[in-house]
Full PDB file with SEQRES, HELIX, SHEET, SSBOND, CRYST1, ORIGX, SCALE, CONECT and MASTER records, all heavy atoms in Angstrom:
SEQRES   1 A   31  PRO GLN GLY ASP GLY VAL ALA LEU GLN VAL GLU SER ARG          
SEQRES   2 A   31  GLY GLU LEU CYS ALA THR GLY GLN ALA SER LEU PRO ALA          
SEQRES   3 A   31  ARG ALA PRO ALA VAL                                          
SHEET    1 AA1 2 VAL A   6  SER A  12  0                                        
SHEET    2 AA1 2 GLU A  15  ALA A  22 -1                                        
CRYST1    1.000    1.000    1.000  90.00  90.00  90.00 P 1           1          
ORIGX1      1.000000  0.000000  0.000000        0.00000                         
ORIGX2      0.000000  1.000000  0.000000        0.00000                         
ORIGX3      0.000000  0.000000  1.000000        0.00000                         
SCALE1      1.000000  0.000000  0.000000        0.00000                         
SCALE2      0.000000  1.000000  0.000000        0.00000                         
SCALE3      0.000000  0.000000  1.000000        0.00000                         
ATOM      1  N   PRO A   1       0.829  -1.202   0.000  1.00  0.00           N  
ATOM      2  CA  PRO A   1       0.000   0.000   0.000  1.00  0.00           C  
ATOM      3  C   PRO A   1       0.866   1.255   0.000  1.00  0.00           C  
ATOM      4  O   PRO A   1       1.881   1.326   0.697  1.00  0.00           O  
ATOM      5  CB  PRO A   1      -0.801  -0.119   1.294  1.00  0.00           C  
ATOM      6  CG  PRO A   1      -0.828  -1.598   1.586  1.00  0.00           C  
ATOM      7  CD  PRO A   1       0.504  -2.110   1.109  1.00  0.00           C  
ATOM      8  N   GLN A   2       0.470   2.211  -0.829  1.00  0.00           N  
ATOM      9  CA  GLN A   2       1.208   3.472  -0.956  1.00  0.00           C  
ATOM     10  C   GLN A   2       0.172   4.581  -1.132  1.00  0.00           C  
ATOM     11  O   GLN A   2      -0.336   4.810  -2.226  1.00  0.00           O  
ATOM     12  CB  GLN A   2       2.159   3.426  -2.147  1.00  0.00           C  
ATOM     13  CG  GLN A   2       3.056   4.635  -2.302  1.00  0.00           C  
ATOM     14  CD  GLN A   2       3.962   4.506  -3.511  1.00  0.00           C  
ATOM     15  OE1 GLN A   2       3.501   4.482  -4.640  1.00  0.00           O  
ATOM     16  NE2 GLN A   2       5.266   4.412  -3.264  1.00  0.00           N  
ATOM     17  N   GLY A   3      -0.163   5.257  -0.033  1.00  0.00           N  
ATOM     18  CA  GLY A   3      -1.229   6.237  -0.081  1.00  0.00           C  
ATOM     19  C   GLY A   3      -2.532   5.557  -0.479  1.00  0.00           C  
ATOM     20  O   GLY A   3      -2.935   4.546   0.110  1.00  0.00           O  
ATOM     21  N   ASP A   4      -3.177   6.078  -1.508  1.00  0.00           N  
ATOM     22  CA  ASP A   4      -4.413   5.473  -2.001  1.00  0.00           C  
ATOM     23  C   ASP A   4      -4.151   4.417  -3.068  1.00  0.00           C  
ATOM     24  O   ASP A   4      -5.098   3.850  -3.625  1.00  0.00           O  
ATOM     25  CB  ASP A   4      -5.328   6.560  -2.593  1.00  0.00           C  
ATOM     26  CG  ASP A   4      -5.840   7.517  -1.524  1.00  0.00           C  
ATOM     27  OD1 ASP A   4      -5.965   7.090  -0.355  1.00  0.00           O  
ATOM     28  OD2 ASP A   4      -6.091   8.684  -1.853  1.00  0.00           O  
ATOM     29  N   GLY A   5      -2.878   4.159  -3.364  1.00  0.00           N  
ATOM     30  CA  GLY A   5      -2.531   3.223  -4.425  1.00  0.00           C  
ATOM     31  C   GLY A   5      -1.683   2.078  -3.919  1.00  0.00           C  
ATOM     32  O   GLY A   5      -1.719   1.709  -2.739  1.00  0.00           O  
ATOM     33  N   VAL A   6      -0.909   1.520  -4.832  1.00  0.00           N  
ATOM     34  CA  VAL A   6      -0.062   0.381  -4.493  1.00  0.00           C  
ATOM     35  C   VAL A   6       1.262   0.514  -5.229  1.00  0.00           C  
ATOM     36  O   VAL A   6       1.303   0.854  -6.413  1.00  0.00           O  
ATOM     37  CB  VAL A   6      -0.758  -0.952  -4.856  1.00  0.00           C  
ATOM     38  CG1 VAL A   6      -1.197  -0.982  -6.304  1.00  0.00           C  
ATOM     39  CG2 VAL A   6       0.141  -2.145  -4.556  1.00  0.00           C  
ATOM     40  N   ALA A   7       2.355   0.310  -4.496  1.00  0.00           N  
ATOM     41  CA  ALA A   7       3.681   0.221  -5.095  1.00  0.00           C  
ATOM     42  C   ALA A   7       3.900  -1.225  -5.527  1.00  0.00           C  
ATOM     43  O   ALA A   7       3.616  -2.163  -4.775  1.00  0.00           O  
ATOM     44  CB  ALA A   7       4.749   0.655  -4.104  1.00  0.00           C  
ATOM     45  N   LEU A   8       4.404  -1.412  -6.742  1.00  0.00           N  
ATOM     46  CA  LEU A   8       4.551  -2.739  -7.320  1.00  0.00           C  
ATOM     47  C   LEU A   8       6.016  -3.034  -7.613  1.00  0.00           C  
ATOM     48  O   LEU A   8       6.788  -2.125  -7.960  1.00  0.00           O  
ATOM     49  CB  LEU A   8       3.759  -2.836  -8.632  1.00  0.00           C  
ATOM     50  CG  LEU A   8       2.249  -2.643  -8.534  1.00  0.00           C  
ATOM     51  CD1 LEU A   8       1.661  -2.415  -9.928  1.00  0.00           C  
ATOM     52  CD2 LEU A   8       1.592  -3.838  -7.869  1.00  0.00           C  
ATOM     53  N   GLN A   9       6.381  -4.298  -7.497  1.00  0.00           N  
ATOM     54  CA  GLN A   9       7.691  -4.722  -7.954  1.00  0.00           C  
ATOM     55  C   GLN A   9       7.630  -6.179  -8.392  1.00  0.00           C  
ATOM     56  O   GLN A   9       6.786  -6.946  -7.927  1.00  0.00           O  
ATOM     57  CB  GLN A   9       8.772  -4.530  -6.897  1.00  0.00           C  
ATOM     58  CG  GLN A   9       8.608  -5.339  -5.632  1.00  0.00           C  
ATOM     59  CD  GLN A   9       9.730  -5.057  -4.638  1.00  0.00           C  
ATOM     60  OE1 GLN A   9      10.208  -3.941  -4.517  1.00  0.00           O  
ATOM     61  NE2 GLN A   9      10.155  -6.093  -3.933  1.00  0.00           N  
ATOM     62  N   VAL A  10       8.510  -6.517  -9.315  1.00  0.00           N  
ATOM     63  CA  VAL A  10       8.613  -7.883  -9.826  1.00  0.00           C  
ATOM     64  C   VAL A  10      10.016  -8.385  -9.529  1.00  0.00           C  
ATOM     65  O   VAL A  10      11.011  -7.710  -9.846  1.00  0.00           O  
ATOM     66  CB  VAL A  10       8.343  -7.945 -11.345  1.00  0.00           C  
ATOM     67  CG1 VAL A  10       8.467  -9.382 -11.844  1.00  0.00           C  
ATOM     68  CG2 VAL A  10       6.970  -7.384 -11.671  1.00  0.00           C  
ATOM     69  N   GLU A  11      10.093  -9.572  -8.934  1.00  0.00           N  
ATOM     70  CA  GLU A  11      11.370 -10.206  -8.644  1.00  0.00           C  
ATOM     71  C   GLU A  11      11.439 -11.541  -9.374  1.00  0.00           C  
ATOM     72  O   GLU A  11      10.438 -12.249  -9.513  1.00  0.00           O  
ATOM     73  CB  GLU A  11      11.529 -10.442  -7.143  1.00  0.00           C  
ATOM     74  CG  GLU A  11      11.501  -9.174  -6.307  1.00  0.00           C  
ATOM     75  CD  GLU A  11      11.408  -9.481  -4.822  1.00  0.00           C  
ATOM     76  OE1 GLU A  11      11.185 -10.664  -4.475  1.00  0.00           O  
ATOM     77  OE2 GLU A  11      11.532  -8.549  -4.014  1.00  0.00           O  
ATOM     78  N   SER A  12      12.630 -11.884  -9.844  1.00  0.00           N  
ATOM     79  CA  SER A  12      12.859 -13.187 -10.463  1.00  0.00           C  
ATOM     80  C   SER A  12      14.324 -13.546 -10.305  1.00  0.00           C  
ATOM     81  O   SER A  12      15.195 -12.676 -10.405  1.00  0.00           O  
ATOM     82  CB  SER A  12      12.469 -13.146 -11.948  1.00  0.00           C  
ATOM     83  OG  SER A  12      12.546 -14.431 -12.523  1.00  0.00           O  
ATOM     84  N   ARG A  13      14.591 -14.785 -10.045  1.00  0.00           N  
ATOM     85  CA  ARG A  13      15.972 -15.279  -9.852  1.00  0.00           C  
ATOM     86  C   ARG A  13      16.703 -14.464  -8.790  1.00  0.00           C  
ATOM     87  O   ARG A  13      17.903 -14.231  -8.883  1.00  0.00           O  
ATOM     88  CB  ARG A  13      16.742 -15.271 -11.169  1.00  0.00           C  
ATOM     89  CG  ARG A  13      16.088 -16.085 -12.273  1.00  0.00           C  
ATOM     90  CD  ARG A  13      17.045 -16.582 -13.323  1.00  0.00           C  
ATOM     91  NE  ARG A  13      17.852 -15.556 -13.928  1.00  0.00           N  
ATOM     92  CZ  ARG A  13      18.679 -15.758 -14.947  1.00  0.00           C  
ATOM     93  NH1 ARG A  13      18.807 -16.967 -15.476  1.00  0.00           N  
ATOM     94  NH2 ARG A  13      19.390 -14.775 -15.452  1.00  0.00           N  
ATOM     95  N   GLY A  14      15.981 -14.009  -7.775  1.00  0.00           N  
ATOM     96  CA  GLY A  14      16.589 -13.264  -6.688  1.00  0.00           C  
ATOM     97  C   GLY A  14      16.929 -11.826  -7.020  1.00  0.00           C  
ATOM     98  O   GLY A  14      17.607 -11.155  -6.218  1.00  0.00           O  
ATOM     99  N   GLU A  15      16.456 -11.311  -8.160  1.00  0.00           N  
ATOM    100  CA  GLU A  15      16.770  -9.944  -8.564  1.00  0.00           C  
ATOM    101  C   GLU A  15      15.494  -9.128  -8.745  1.00  0.00           C  
ATOM    102  O   GLU A  15      14.439  -9.659  -9.116  1.00  0.00           O  
ATOM    103  CB  GLU A  15      17.538  -9.932  -9.887  1.00  0.00           C  
ATOM    104  CG  GLU A  15      18.921 -10.548  -9.807  1.00  0.00           C  
ATOM    105  CD  GLU A  15      19.689 -10.359 -11.112  1.00  0.00           C  
ATOM    106  OE1 GLU A  15      19.101 -10.599 -12.184  1.00  0.00           O  
ATOM    107  OE2 GLU A  15      20.869  -9.961 -11.035  1.00  0.00           O  
ATOM    108  N   LEU A  16      15.601  -7.821  -8.490  1.00  0.00           N  
ATOM    109  CA  LEU A  16      14.516  -6.905  -8.770  1.00  0.00           C  
ATOM    110  C   LEU A  16      14.492  -6.643 -10.268  1.00  0.00           C  
ATOM    111  O   LEU A  16      15.472  -6.158 -10.833  1.00  0.00           O  
ATOM    112  CB  LEU A  16      14.716  -5.597  -8.008  1.00  0.00           C  
ATOM    113  CG  LEU A  16      13.653  -4.523  -8.237  1.00  0.00           C  
ATOM    114  CD1 LEU A  16      12.293  -4.982  -7.731  1.00  0.00           C  
ATOM    115  CD2 LEU A  16      14.076  -3.216  -7.565  1.00  0.00           C  
ATOM    116  N   CYS A  17      13.388  -6.985 -10.912  1.00  0.00           N  
ATOM    117  CA  CYS A  17      13.305  -6.893 -12.372  1.00  0.00           C  
ATOM    118  C   CYS A  17      12.452  -5.728 -12.858  1.00  0.00           C  
ATOM    119  O   CYS A  17      12.659  -5.227 -13.972  1.00  0.00           O  
ATOM    120  CB  CYS A  17      12.746  -8.193 -12.940  1.00  0.00           C  
ATOM    121  SG  CYS A  17      13.786  -9.623 -12.625  1.00  0.00           S  
ATOM    122  N   ALA A  18      11.468  -5.312 -12.073  1.00  0.00           N  
ATOM    123  CA  ALA A  18      10.596  -4.214 -12.494  1.00  0.00           C  
ATOM    124  C   ALA A  18      10.041  -3.525 -11.269  1.00  0.00           C  
ATOM    125  O   ALA A  18       9.829  -4.148 -10.221  1.00  0.00           O  
ATOM    126  CB  ALA A  18       9.461  -4.721 -13.377  1.00  0.00           C  
ATOM    127  N   THR A  19       9.804  -2.226 -11.399  1.00  0.00           N  
ATOM    128  CA  THR A  19       9.160  -1.442 -10.349  1.00  0.00           C  
ATOM    129  C   THR A  19       8.007  -0.665 -10.969  1.00  0.00           C  
ATOM    130  O   THR A  19       7.967  -0.441 -12.187  1.00  0.00           O  
ATOM    131  CB  THR A  19      10.138  -0.457  -9.700  1.00  0.00           C  
ATOM    132  OG1 THR A  19      10.612   0.462 -10.700  1.00  0.00           O  
ATOM    133  CG2 THR A  19      11.328  -1.178  -9.086  1.00  0.00           C  
ATOM    134  N   GLY A  20       7.087  -0.242 -10.134  1.00  0.00           N  
ATOM    135  CA  GLY A  20       5.975   0.542 -10.658  1.00  0.00           C  
ATOM    136  C   GLY A  20       4.989   0.894  -9.575  1.00  0.00           C  
ATOM    137  O   GLY A  20       5.222   0.657  -8.383  1.00  0.00           O  
ATOM    138  N   GLN A  21       3.879   1.462  -9.993  1.00  0.00           N  
ATOM    139  CA  GLN A  21       2.813   1.796  -9.075  1.00  0.00           C  
ATOM    140  C   GLN A  21       1.486   1.812  -9.822  1.00  0.00           C  
ATOM    141  O   GLN A  21       1.454   1.967 -11.039  1.00  0.00           O  
ATOM    142  CB  GLN A  21       3.037   3.142  -8.386  1.00  0.00           C  
ATOM    143  CG  GLN A  21       3.384   4.289  -9.285  1.00  0.00           C  
ATOM    144  CD  GLN A  21       4.868   4.395  -9.562  1.00  0.00           C  
ATOM    145  OE1 GLN A  21       5.699   3.984  -8.760  1.00  0.00           O  
ATOM    146  NE2 GLN A  21       5.201   4.955 -10.701  1.00  0.00           N  
ATOM    147  N   ALA A  22       0.415   1.617  -9.061  1.00  0.00           N  
ATOM    148  CA  ALA A  22      -0.928   1.640  -9.632  1.00  0.00           C  
ATOM    149  C   ALA A  22      -1.846   2.379  -8.674  1.00  0.00           C  
ATOM    150  O   ALA A  22      -1.637   2.387  -7.458  1.00  0.00           O  
ATOM    151  CB  ALA A  22      -1.443   0.223  -9.878  1.00  0.00           C  
ATOM    152  N   SER A  23      -2.882   3.006  -9.244  1.00  0.00           N  
ATOM    153  CA  SER A  23      -3.856   3.723  -8.430  1.00  0.00           C  
ATOM    154  C   SER A  23      -5.181   3.751  -9.171  1.00  0.00           C  
ATOM    155  O   SER A  23      -5.274   3.390 -10.351  1.00  0.00           O  
ATOM    156  CB  SER A  23      -3.378   5.148  -8.124  1.00  0.00           C  
ATOM    157  OG  SER A  23      -3.192   5.888  -9.324  1.00  0.00           O  
ATOM    158  N   LEU A  24      -6.221   4.178  -8.458  1.00  0.00           N  
ATOM    159  CA  LEU A  24      -7.556   4.254  -9.028  1.00  0.00           C  
ATOM    160  C   LEU A  24      -8.073   5.677  -8.881  1.00  0.00           C  
ATOM    161  O   LEU A  24      -8.624   6.041  -7.833  1.00  0.00           O  
ATOM    162  CB  LEU A  24      -8.495   3.271  -8.330  1.00  0.00           C  
ATOM    163  CG  LEU A  24      -9.898   3.174  -8.938  1.00  0.00           C  
ATOM    164  CD1 LEU A  24      -9.836   2.516 -10.314  1.00  0.00           C  
ATOM    165  CD2 LEU A  24     -10.832   2.401  -8.015  1.00  0.00           C  
ATOM    166  N   PRO A  25      -7.898   6.509  -9.914  1.00  0.00           N  
ATOM    167  CA  PRO A  25      -8.450   7.869  -9.854  1.00  0.00           C  
ATOM    168  C   PRO A  25      -9.962   7.840  -9.653  1.00  0.00           C  
ATOM    169  O   PRO A  25     -10.642   6.869 -10.008  1.00  0.00           O  
ATOM    170  CB  PRO A  25      -8.087   8.458 -11.223  1.00  0.00           C  
ATOM    171  CG  PRO A  25      -6.926   7.637 -11.697  1.00  0.00           C  
ATOM    172  CD  PRO A  25      -7.162   6.268 -11.154  1.00  0.00           C  
ATOM    173  N   ALA A  26     -10.490   8.921  -9.108  1.00  0.00           N  
ATOM    174  CA  ALA A  26     -11.932   9.001  -8.862  1.00  0.00           C  
ATOM    175  C   ALA A  26     -12.731   8.924 -10.155  1.00  0.00           C  
ATOM    176  O   ALA A  26     -13.855   8.431 -10.175  1.00  0.00           O  
ATOM    177  CB  ALA A  26     -12.261  10.283  -8.107  1.00  0.00           C  
ATOM    178  N   ARG A  27     -12.135   9.417 -11.230  1.00  0.00           N  
ATOM    179  CA  ARG A  27     -12.790   9.348 -12.537  1.00  0.00           C  
ATOM    180  C   ARG A  27     -11.717   9.320 -13.616  1.00  0.00           C  
ATOM    181  O   ARG A  27     -10.584   9.776 -13.388  1.00  0.00           O  
ATOM    182  CB  ARG A  27     -13.744  10.528 -12.757  1.00  0.00           C  
ATOM    183  CG  ARG A  27     -13.063  11.889 -12.728  1.00  0.00           C  
ATOM    184  CD  ARG A  27     -14.066  13.018 -12.768  1.00  0.00           C  
ATOM    185  NE  ARG A  27     -14.973  12.973 -11.623  1.00  0.00           N  
ATOM    186  CZ  ARG A  27     -14.674  13.478 -10.427  1.00  0.00           C  
ATOM    187  NH1 ARG A  27     -13.479  14.022 -10.207  1.00  0.00           N  
ATOM    188  NH2 ARG A  27     -15.540  13.419  -9.446  1.00  0.00           N  
ATOM    189  N   ALA A  28     -12.066   8.791 -14.765  1.00  0.00           N  
ATOM    190  CA  ALA A  28     -11.128   8.799 -15.885  1.00  0.00           C  
ATOM    191  C   ALA A  28     -10.995  10.228 -16.404  1.00  0.00           C  
ATOM    192  O   ALA A  28     -12.002  10.921 -16.574  1.00  0.00           O  
ATOM    193  CB  ALA A  28     -11.622   7.878 -16.986  1.00  0.00           C  
ATOM    194  N   PRO A  29      -9.780  10.699 -16.649  1.00  0.00           N  
ATOM    195  CA  PRO A  29      -9.618  12.058 -17.166  1.00  0.00           C  
ATOM    196  C   PRO A  29     -10.180  12.189 -18.577  1.00  0.00           C  
ATOM    197  O   PRO A  29     -10.186  11.235 -19.354  1.00  0.00           O  
ATOM    198  CB  PRO A  29      -8.096  12.258 -17.153  1.00  0.00           C  
ATOM    199  CG  PRO A  29      -7.523  10.882 -17.190  1.00  0.00           C  
ATOM    200  CD  PRO A  29      -8.496   9.998 -16.476  1.00  0.00           C  
ATOM    201  N   ALA A  30     -10.647  13.379 -18.899  1.00  0.00           N  
ATOM    202  CA  ALA A  30     -11.143  13.649 -20.247  1.00  0.00           C  
ATOM    203  C   ALA A  30      -9.969  13.733 -21.217  1.00  0.00           C  
ATOM    204  O   ALA A  30      -8.911  14.270 -20.883  1.00  0.00           O  
ATOM    205  CB  ALA A  30     -11.935  14.945 -20.266  1.00  0.00           C  
ATOM    206  N   VAL A  31     -10.149  13.185 -22.401  1.00  0.00           N  
ATOM    207  CA  VAL A  31      -9.118  13.214 -23.437  1.00  0.00           C  
ATOM    208  C   VAL A  31      -9.755  13.727 -24.727  1.00  0.00           C  
ATOM    209  O   VAL A  31     -10.869  13.317 -25.087  1.00  0.00           O  
ATOM    210  CB  VAL A  31      -8.512  11.811 -23.665  1.00  0.00           C  
ATOM    211  CG1 VAL A  31      -7.558  11.815 -24.845  1.00  0.00           C  
ATOM    212  CG2 VAL A  31      -7.794  11.325 -22.421  1.00  0.00           C  
TER     213      VAL A  31                                                      
MASTER        0    0    0    0    2    0    0    6  212    1    0    3          
END                                                                             
């Protein structure tokens, strides 16, 4: 958990392979 979202990471073979984050905005922004 990271604030209202989530910090993500991927590990494989004992190594950190990817980092990231995800969240859910209250609404989709207009484009």
